[in-house]
Amino acid sequence: MAIDHQRIKAVAAALRGIRARIVEDDEIDDWSTSAYDKWIAMLDDAIDAECDHLAIDEADLPRADFLMHLDAAIAFLEVYEGGRDNVVPLKPREVL
């Protein structure tokens, strides 16, 4: 299966936009996840991985939980974008 880089970039950009809105409107405690789930559905047949597990499938999520899902989904998609610095600031794991 060919990877659809344009669609991956579009979905990642949309998720970054949703994330920015949630960060900006920090007075809102619960957020609708419908837009997130619609963008995740756009990944069908775009990558060589099952993306159904990325969908939240809940009406609303608390702000912190939603940001966690967004950060994880964005990080997942950044692997497929290639050649891009991480937009989500992820700390490297410490080697024990």
C-alpha atoms as a PDB file:
ATOM      1  CA  MET A   1       0.000   0.000   0.000  1.00  0.00           C
ATOM      2  CA  ALA A   2       1.316   3.431  -0.902  1.00  0.00           C
ATOM      3  CA  ILE A   3       1.497   6.073   1.784  1.00  0.00           C
ATOM      4  CA  ASP A   4      -0.568   9.197   1.052  1.00  0.00           C
ATOM      5  CA  HIS A   5       1.794  11.859   2.413  1.00  0.00           C
ATOM      6  CA  GLN A   6      -0.471  14.760   1.459  1.00  0.00           C
ATOM      7  CA  ARG A   7      -3.421  13.381   3.396  1.00  0.00           C
ATOM      8  CA  ILE A   8      -1.206  12.604   6.392  1.00  0.00           C
ATOM      9  CA  LYS A   9       0.095  16.180   6.373  1.00  0.00           C
ATOM     10  CA  ALA A  10      -3.442  17.536   6.108  1.00  0.00           C
ATOM     11  CA  VAL A  11      -4.670  15.452   9.041  1.00  0.00           C
ATOM     12  CA  ALA A  12      -1.629  16.338  11.158  1.00  0.00           C
ATOM     13  CA  ALA A  13      -2.142  20.035  10.383  1.00  0.00           C
ATOM     14  CA  ALA A  14      -5.808  19.807  11.334  1.00  0.00           C
ATOM     15  CA  LEU A  15      -4.950  18.083  14.621  1.00  0.00           C
ATOM     16  CA  ARG A  16      -2.353  20.756  15.365  1.00  0.00           C
ATOM     17  CA  GLY A  17      -5.062  23.361  14.765  1.00  0.00           C
ATOM     18  CA  ILE A  18      -7.429  21.608  17.166  1.00  0.00           C
ATOM     19  CA  ARG A  19      -4.627  21.409  19.728  1.00  0.00           C
ATOM     20  CA  ALA A  20      -3.835  25.119  19.368  1.00  0.00           C
ATOM     21  CA  ARG A  21      -7.490  25.989  19.926  1.00  0.00           C
ATOM     22  CA  ILE A  22      -7.658  23.884  23.092  1.00  0.00           C
ATOM     23  CA  VAL A  23      -4.451  25.421  24.439  1.00  0.00           C
ATOM     24  CA  GLU A  24      -5.726  28.919  23.615  1.00  0.00           C
ATOM     25  CA  ASP A  25      -9.151  28.429  25.227  1.00  0.00           C
ATOM     26  CA  ASP A  26      -7.909  27.074  28.534  1.00  0.00           C
ATOM     27  CA  GLU A  27     -11.060  28.161  30.389  1.00  0.00           C
ATOM     28  CA  ILE A  28     -13.083  25.428  28.657  1.00  0.00           C
ATOM     29  CA  ASP A  29     -12.928  22.210  30.688  1.00  0.00           C
ATOM     30  CA  ASP A  30     -14.613  19.679  28.364  1.00  0.00           C
ATOM     31  CA  TRP A  31     -14.190  19.469  24.602  1.00  0.00           C
ATOM     32  CA  SER A  32     -16.183  17.760  21.865  1.00  0.00           C
ATOM     33  CA  THR A  33     -14.106  15.111  20.110  1.00  0.00           C
ATOM     34  CA  SER A  34     -16.199  14.914  16.934  1.00  0.00           C
ATOM     35  CA  ALA A  35     -13.844  16.999  14.759  1.00  0.00           C
ATOM     36  CA  TYR A  36     -10.855  14.957  15.964  1.00  0.00           C
ATOM     37  CA  ASP A  37     -12.600  11.675  15.109  1.00  0.00           C
ATOM     38  CA  LYS A  38     -13.576  12.967  11.648  1.00  0.00           C
ATOM     39  CA  TRP A  39      -9.965  13.872  10.865  1.00  0.00           C
ATOM     40  CA  ILE A  40      -8.695  10.525  12.159  1.00  0.00           C
ATOM     41  CA  ALA A  41     -11.198   8.800   9.843  1.00  0.00           C
ATOM     42  CA  MET A  42      -9.493  10.602   6.934  1.00  0.00           C
ATOM     43  CA  LEU A  43      -6.445   8.394   7.556  1.00  0.00           C
ATOM     44  CA  ASP A  44      -8.231   5.294   6.256  1.00  0.00           C
ATOM     45  CA  ASP A  45      -6.029   3.806   3.514  1.00  0.00           C
ATOM     46  CA  ALA A  46      -3.494   6.649   3.863  1.00  0.00           C
ATOM     47  CA  ILE A  47      -0.904   4.666   5.845  1.00  0.00           C
ATOM     48  CA  ASP A  48       0.133   1.058   6.397  1.00  0.00           C
ATOM     49  CA  ALA A  49      -1.392   0.912   9.861  1.00  0.00           C
ATOM     50  CA  GLU A  50      -4.803   0.522  11.419  1.00  0.00           C
ATOM     51  CA  CYS A  51      -5.921   3.954  12.617  1.00  0.00           C
ATOM     52  CA  ASP A  52      -9.262   2.977  14.146  1.00  0.00           C
ATOM     53  CA  HIS A  53      -7.596   2.735  17.542  1.00  0.00           C
ATOM     54  CA  LEU A  54      -6.696   6.452  17.326  1.00  0.00           C
ATOM     55  CA  ALA A  55     -10.372   7.467  17.349  1.00  0.00           C
ATOM     56  CA  ILE A  56     -11.712   8.591  20.708  1.00  0.00           C
ATOM     57  CA  ASP A  57     -15.382   7.664  20.121  1.00  0.00           C
ATOM     58  CA  GLU A  58     -16.614   9.654  23.114  1.00  0.00           C
ATOM     59  CA  ALA A  59     -18.764  12.775  22.933  1.00  0.00           C
ATOM     60  CA  ASP A  60     -16.543  14.915  25.172  1.00  0.00           C
ATOM     61  CA  LEU A  61     -13.215  14.670  26.959  1.00  0.00           C
ATOM     62  CA  PRO A  62     -11.661  16.720  29.726  1.00  0.00           C
ATOM     63  CA  ARG A  63      -9.109  19.194  28.364  1.00  0.00           C
ATOM     64  CA  ALA A  64      -6.010  17.380  29.722  1.00  0.00           C
ATOM     65  CA  ASP A  65      -7.139  13.998  28.387  1.00  0.00           C
ATOM     66  CA  PHE A  66      -7.908  15.453  24.971  1.00  0.00           C
ATOM     67  CA  LEU A  67      -4.503  17.141  24.777  1.00  0.00           C
ATOM     68  CA  MET A  68      -2.868  13.800  25.605  1.00  0.00           C
ATOM     69  CA  HIS A  69      -4.717  12.103  22.722  1.00  0.00           C
ATOM     70  CA  LEU A  70      -3.841  14.940  20.347  1.00  0.00           C
ATOM     71  CA  ASP A  71      -0.154  14.879  21.290  1.00  0.00           C
ATOM     72  CA  ALA A  72       0.009  11.118  20.786  1.00  0.00           C
ATOM     73  CA  ALA A  73      -1.790  11.218  17.419  1.00  0.00           C
ATOM     74  CA  ILE A  74       0.359  14.112  16.177  1.00  0.00           C
ATOM     75  CA  ALA A  75       3.557  12.328  17.240  1.00  0.00           C
ATOM     76  CA  PHE A  76       2.351   9.166  15.469  1.00  0.00           C
ATOM     77  CA  LEU A  77       1.704  11.087  12.244  1.00  0.00           C
ATOM     78  CA  GLU A  78       5.019  12.951  12.405  1.00  0.00           C
ATOM     79  CA  VAL A  79       6.763   9.633  11.803  1.00  0.00           C
ATOM     80  CA  TYR A  80       4.975   9.433   8.445  1.00  0.00           C
ATOM     81  CA  GLU A  81       5.492  13.095   7.548  1.00  0.00           C
ATOM     82  CA  GLY A  82       9.257  12.599   7.411  1.00  0.00           C
ATOM     83  CA  GLY A  83      11.874  15.318   7.395  1.00  0.00           C
ATOM     84  CA  ARG A  84       9.981  17.473   9.870  1.00  0.00           C
ATOM     85  CA  ASP A  85      10.998  18.558  13.344  1.00  0.00           C
ATOM     86  CA  ASN A  86       8.525  17.586  16.039  1.00  0.00           C
ATOM     87  CA  VAL A  87       5.971  20.290  16.663  1.00  0.00           C
ATOM     88  CA  VAL A  88       4.855  18.592  19.848  1.00  0.00           C
ATOM     89  CA  PRO A  89       7.665  19.021  22.401  1.00  0.00           C
ATOM     90  CA  LEU A  90       8.470  15.457  23.376  1.00  0.00           C
ATOM     91  CA  LYS A  91      11.269  14.728  25.850  1.00  0.00           C
ATOM     92  CA  PRO A  92      13.575  11.852  24.976  1.00  0.00           C
ATOM     93  CA  ARG A  93      13.410   8.856  27.279  1.00  0.00           C
ATOM     94  CA  GLU A  94      16.245   8.523  29.743  1.00  0.00           C
ATOM     95  CA  VAL A  95      18.485   5.512  29.351  1.00  0.00           C
ATOM     96  CA  LEU A  96      18.786   3.632  32.635  1.00  0.00           C
END
